Amino acid sequence: MLSDILGQAIEAMRHNRRRTTITIVGMAWGIATVVLLLAYGAGFGQAFENIFAQFGTNMIGVFRDEPASRRAARRRGCRFGSHRRM
């Protein structure tokens, strides 16, 4: 039974050589694309890790923070600045 199925598959591939070739090329292209994207992802991940590892060694980050009273008012639903209540 298995030999019959394989025989029919080989016969179909011989009969449709162009379709078989295009299918093989498409599969190879897809596999190569996935491998390439995974490699890019790993490379970018390593680059970001290196950048952030160096970030803390010779730089100081200064961030603006809003006062506690303004945070509490914002939690109650008050808006500040150019925002208008509708």
N, C-alpha and C. Protein backbone atom coordinates (compact mmCIF):
# COMPACT_ATOMS: atom_id res chain seq x y z
N MET A 1 0.82 -1.20 0.00
CA MET A 1 0.00 0.00 0.00
C MET A 1 0.87 1.26 0.00
N LEU A 2 1.87 1.27 0.86
CA LEU A 2 2.77 2.43 0.91
C LEU A 2 3.56 2.58 -0.38
N SER A 3 3.97 1.46 -0.95
CA SER A 3 4.72 1.51 -2.20
C SER A 3 3.85 2.04 -3.34
N ASP A 4 2.56 1.71 -3.32
CA ASP A 4 1.65 2.24 -4.34
C ASP A 4 1.51 3.76 -4.23
N ILE A 5 1.40 4.23 -3.00
CA ILE A 5 1.26 5.68 -2.78
C ILE A 5 2.52 6.41 -3.22
N LEU A 6 3.68 5.89 -2.84
CA LEU A 6 4.94 6.51 -3.25
C LEU A 6 5.12 6.46 -4.76
N GLY A 7 4.72 5.34 -5.37
CA GLY A 7 4.81 5.22 -6.83
C GLY A 7 3.94 6.26 -7.53
N GLN A 8 2.73 6.47 -7.03
CA GLN A 8 1.85 7.48 -7.62
C GLN A 8 2.42 8.88 -7.42
N ALA A 9 3.01 9.14 -6.26
CA ALA A 9 3.59 10.46 -6.00
C ALA A 9 4.76 10.73 -6.94
N ILE A 10 5.62 9.73 -7.13
CA ILE A 10 6.77 9.90 -8.04
C ILE A 10 6.28 10.07 -9.47
N GLU A 11 5.29 9.32 -9.86
CA GLU A 11 4.73 9.46 -11.21
C GLU A 11 4.16 10.86 -11.43
N ALA A 12 3.45 11.40 -10.41
CA ALA A 12 2.88 12.74 -10.52
C ALA A 12 3.99 13.79 -10.61
N MET A 13 5.08 13.59 -9.86
CA MET A 13 6.19 14.55 -9.93
C MET A 13 6.89 14.49 -11.28
N ARG A 14 7.00 13.31 -11.85
CA ARG A 14 7.61 13.19 -13.19
C ARG A 14 6.72 13.84 -14.25
N HIS A 15 5.43 13.66 -14.08
CA HIS A 15 4.48 14.19 -15.07
C HIS A 15 4.41 15.73 -15.01
N ASN A 16 4.52 16.30 -13.79
CA ASN A 16 4.42 17.76 -13.60
C ASN A 16 5.77 18.30 -13.12
N ARG A 17 6.77 18.22 -13.96
CA ARG A 17 8.12 18.63 -13.56
C ARG A 17 8.22 20.11 -13.21
N ARG A 18 7.55 20.94 -13.98
CA ARG A 18 7.63 22.38 -13.72
C ARG A 18 6.99 22.73 -12.37
N ARG A 19 5.83 22.18 -12.09
CA ARG A 19 5.16 22.42 -10.83
C ARG A 19 6.01 21.88 -9.66
N THR A 20 6.62 20.72 -9.85
CA THR A 20 7.47 20.13 -8.82
C THR A 20 8.67 21.03 -8.55
N THR A 21 9.29 21.54 -9.60
CA THR A 21 10.45 22.42 -9.45
C THR A 21 10.07 23.70 -8.74
N ILE A 22 8.96 24.30 -9.13
CA ILE A 22 8.53 25.55 -8.49
C ILE A 22 8.19 25.30 -7.02
N THR A 23 7.59 24.17 -6.71
CA THR A 23 7.27 23.84 -5.32
C THR A 23 8.53 23.67 -4.49
N ILE A 24 9.52 22.98 -5.03
CA ILE A 24 10.79 22.78 -4.31
C ILE A 24 11.49 24.11 -4.09
N VAL A 25 11.52 24.95 -5.10
CA VAL A 25 12.15 26.26 -4.96
C VAL A 25 11.40 27.10 -3.93
N GLY A 26 10.08 27.06 -3.93
CA GLY A 26 9.29 27.81 -2.96
C GLY A 26 9.53 27.34 -1.54
N MET A 27 9.64 26.02 -1.35
CA MET A 27 9.91 25.50 -0.02
C MET A 27 11.30 25.91 0.46
N ALA A 28 12.29 25.83 -0.41
CA ALA A 28 13.64 26.23 -0.05
C ALA A 28 13.68 27.72 0.28
N TRP A 29 12.98 28.53 -0.51
CA TRP A 29 12.93 29.97 -0.27
C TRP A 29 12.29 30.28 1.08
N GLY A 30 11.22 29.59 1.41
CA GLY A 30 10.53 29.80 2.69
C GLY A 30 11.41 29.41 3.87
N ILE A 31 12.08 28.28 3.77
CA ILE A 31 12.97 27.84 4.85
C ILE A 31 14.11 28.82 5.03
N ALA A 32 14.71 29.26 3.92
CA ALA A 32 15.81 30.23 4.01
C ALA A 32 15.34 31.54 4.62
N THR A 33 14.13 31.97 4.29
CA THR A 33 13.59 33.21 4.83
C THR A 33 13.39 33.11 6.34
N VAL A 34 12.84 31.99 6.81
CA VAL A 34 12.63 31.81 8.24
C VAL A 34 13.96 31.79 8.98
N VAL A 35 14.94 31.08 8.46
CA VAL A 35 16.26 31.02 9.09
C VAL A 35 16.89 32.40 9.13
N LEU A 36 16.78 33.15 8.05
CA LEU A 36 17.35 34.49 7.99
C LEU A 36 16.68 35.42 9.00
N LEU A 37 15.36 35.37 9.11
CA LEU A 37 14.65 36.22 10.06
C LEU A 37 14.99 35.86 11.50
N LEU A 38 15.13 34.58 11.78
CA LEU A 38 15.55 34.17 13.12
C LEU A 38 16.95 34.66 13.45
N ALA A 39 17.84 34.60 12.46
CA ALA A 39 19.20 35.09 12.67
C ALA A 39 19.21 36.60 12.89
N TYR A 40 18.42 37.34 12.11
CA TYR A 40 18.32 38.78 12.33
C TYR A 40 17.79 39.08 13.72
N GLY A 41 16.76 38.37 14.13
CA GLY A 41 16.19 38.59 15.46
C GLY A 41 17.19 38.34 16.56
N ALA A 42 17.95 37.25 16.45
CA ALA A 42 18.97 36.95 17.46
C ALA A 42 20.06 38.01 17.45
N GLY A 43 20.45 38.45 16.28
CA GLY A 43 21.49 39.48 16.17
C GLY A 43 21.04 40.81 16.77
N PHE A 44 19.81 41.21 16.47
CA PHE A 44 19.30 42.46 17.04
C PHE A 44 19.15 42.34 18.55
N GLY A 45 18.72 41.19 19.02
CA GLY A 45 18.60 40.99 20.47
C GLY A 45 19.95 41.12 21.16
N GLN A 46 20.97 40.52 20.58
CA GLN A 46 22.32 40.61 21.15
C GLN A 46 22.82 42.05 21.10
N ALA A 47 22.55 42.75 20.01
CA ALA A 47 22.99 44.15 19.90
C ALA A 47 22.32 45.01 20.95
N PHE A 48 21.02 44.83 21.17
CA PHE A 48 20.32 45.61 22.20
C PHE A 48 20.84 45.28 23.59
N GLU A 49 21.13 44.02 23.84
CA GLU A 49 21.70 43.65 25.14
C GLU A 49 23.05 44.35 25.35
N ASN A 50 23.87 44.39 24.32
CA ASN A 50 25.17 45.07 24.43
C ASN A 50 25.00 46.56 24.65
N ILE A 51 24.05 47.16 23.95
CA ILE A 51 23.82 48.60 24.10
C ILE A 51 23.35 48.91 25.51
N PHE A 52 22.38 48.13 26.00
CA PHE A 52 21.86 48.41 27.34
C PHE A 52 22.85 48.02 28.43
N ALA A 53 23.74 47.08 28.16
CA ALA A 53 24.77 46.74 29.14
C ALA A 53 25.74 47.91 29.30
N GLN A 54 26.03 48.61 28.21
CA GLN A 54 26.92 49.77 28.26
C GLN A 54 26.20 51.02 28.75
N PHE A 55 24.89 51.03 28.67
CA PHE A 55 24.11 52.23 29.02
C PHE A 55 24.33 52.63 30.46
N GLY A 56 24.38 51.67 31.37
CA GLY A 56 24.51 52.00 32.79
C GLY A 56 25.92 52.29 33.24
N THR A 57 26.90 52.05 32.43
CA THR A 57 28.29 52.19 32.88
C THR A 57 28.80 53.62 32.83
N ASN A 58 28.38 54.40 31.85
CA ASN A 58 28.94 55.75 31.75
C ASN A 58 27.89 56.82 31.46
N MET A 59 26.63 56.54 31.75
CA MET A 59 25.57 57.52 31.49
C MET A 59 24.64 57.61 32.69
N ILE A 60 24.05 58.76 32.84
CA ILE A 60 23.05 58.97 33.88
C ILE A 60 21.77 59.41 33.19
N GLY A 61 20.66 58.78 33.54
CA GLY A 61 19.37 59.15 32.96
C GLY A 61 18.64 60.09 33.91
N VAL A 62 18.13 61.20 33.36
CA VAL A 62 17.36 62.16 34.15
C VAL A 62 15.96 62.20 33.55
N PHE A 63 14.97 61.91 34.39
CA PHE A 63 13.60 61.85 33.92
C PHE A 63 12.74 62.83 34.71
N ARG A 64 11.82 63.45 34.05
CA ARG A 64 10.90 64.39 34.68
C ARG A 64 9.79 63.58 35.33
N ASP A 65 9.41 63.96 36.53
CA ASP A 65 8.32 63.29 37.23
C ASP A 65 7.34 64.36 37.68
N GLU A 66 6.07 64.02 37.69
CA GLU A 66 5.09 64.99 38.13
C GLU A 66 4.88 64.88 39.64
N PRO A 67 4.48 65.95 40.29
CA PRO A 67 4.29 65.92 41.74
C PRO A 67 3.21 64.91 42.14
N ALA A 68 3.30 64.44 43.38
CA ALA A 68 2.35 63.43 43.88
C ALA A 68 0.92 63.97 43.86
N SER A 69 0.75 65.27 44.14
CA SER A 69 -0.61 65.84 44.15
C SER A 69 -1.23 65.78 42.76
N ARG A 70 -0.42 65.98 41.73
CA ARG A 70 -0.94 65.94 40.37
C ARG A 70 -1.28 64.50 39.97
N ARG A 71 -0.47 63.53 40.39
CA ARG A 71 -0.78 62.12 40.12
C ARG A 71 -2.10 61.73 40.78
N ALA A 72 -2.29 62.17 42.03
CA ALA A 72 -3.53 61.85 42.74
C ALA A 72 -4.73 62.49 42.04
N ALA A 73 -4.56 63.73 41.58
CA ALA A 73 -5.65 64.40 40.87
C ALA A 73 -5.95 63.70 39.55
N ARG A 74 -4.93 63.22 38.89
CA ARG A 74 -5.13 62.52 37.62
C ARG A 74 -5.90 61.22 37.85
N ARG A 75 -5.62 60.53 38.97
CA ARG A 75 -6.36 59.31 39.29
C ARG A 75 -7.83 59.60 39.54
N ARG A 76 -8.13 60.79 40.08
CA ARG A 76 -9.52 61.16 40.33
C ARG A 76 -10.24 61.58 39.06
N GLY A 77 -9.51 61.77 37.97
CA GLY A 77 -10.15 62.11 36.71
C GLY A 77 -9.90 63.53 36.24
N CYS A 78 -9.14 64.32 37.00
CA CYS A 78 -8.84 65.69 36.58
C CYS A 78 -7.79 65.65 35.47
N ARG A 79 -7.92 66.61 34.55
CA ARG A 79 -6.96 66.69 33.46
C ARG A 79 -6.29 68.05 33.50
N PHE A 80 -5.05 68.09 33.08
CA PHE A 80 -4.26 69.32 33.10
C PHE A 80 -3.76 69.64 31.72
N GLY A 81 -3.38 70.87 31.52
CA GLY A 81 -2.78 71.27 30.26
C GLY A 81 -3.82 71.57 29.21
N SER A 82 -3.58 71.11 27.99
CA SER A 82 -4.45 71.45 26.86
C SER A 82 -5.65 70.50 26.77
N HIS A 83 -5.75 69.51 27.64
CA HIS A 83 -6.89 68.58 27.59
C HIS A 83 -8.12 69.26 28.15
N ARG A 84 -9.24 69.04 27.51
CA ARG A 84 -10.50 69.60 27.99
C ARG A 84 -11.47 68.48 28.29
N ARG A 85 -12.26 68.69 29.30
CA ARG A 85 -13.25 67.70 29.68
C ARG A 85 -14.44 67.79 28.74
N MET A 86 -14.92 66.67 28.27
CA MET A 86 -16.04 66.68 27.32
C MET A 86 -17.32 66.28 28.00
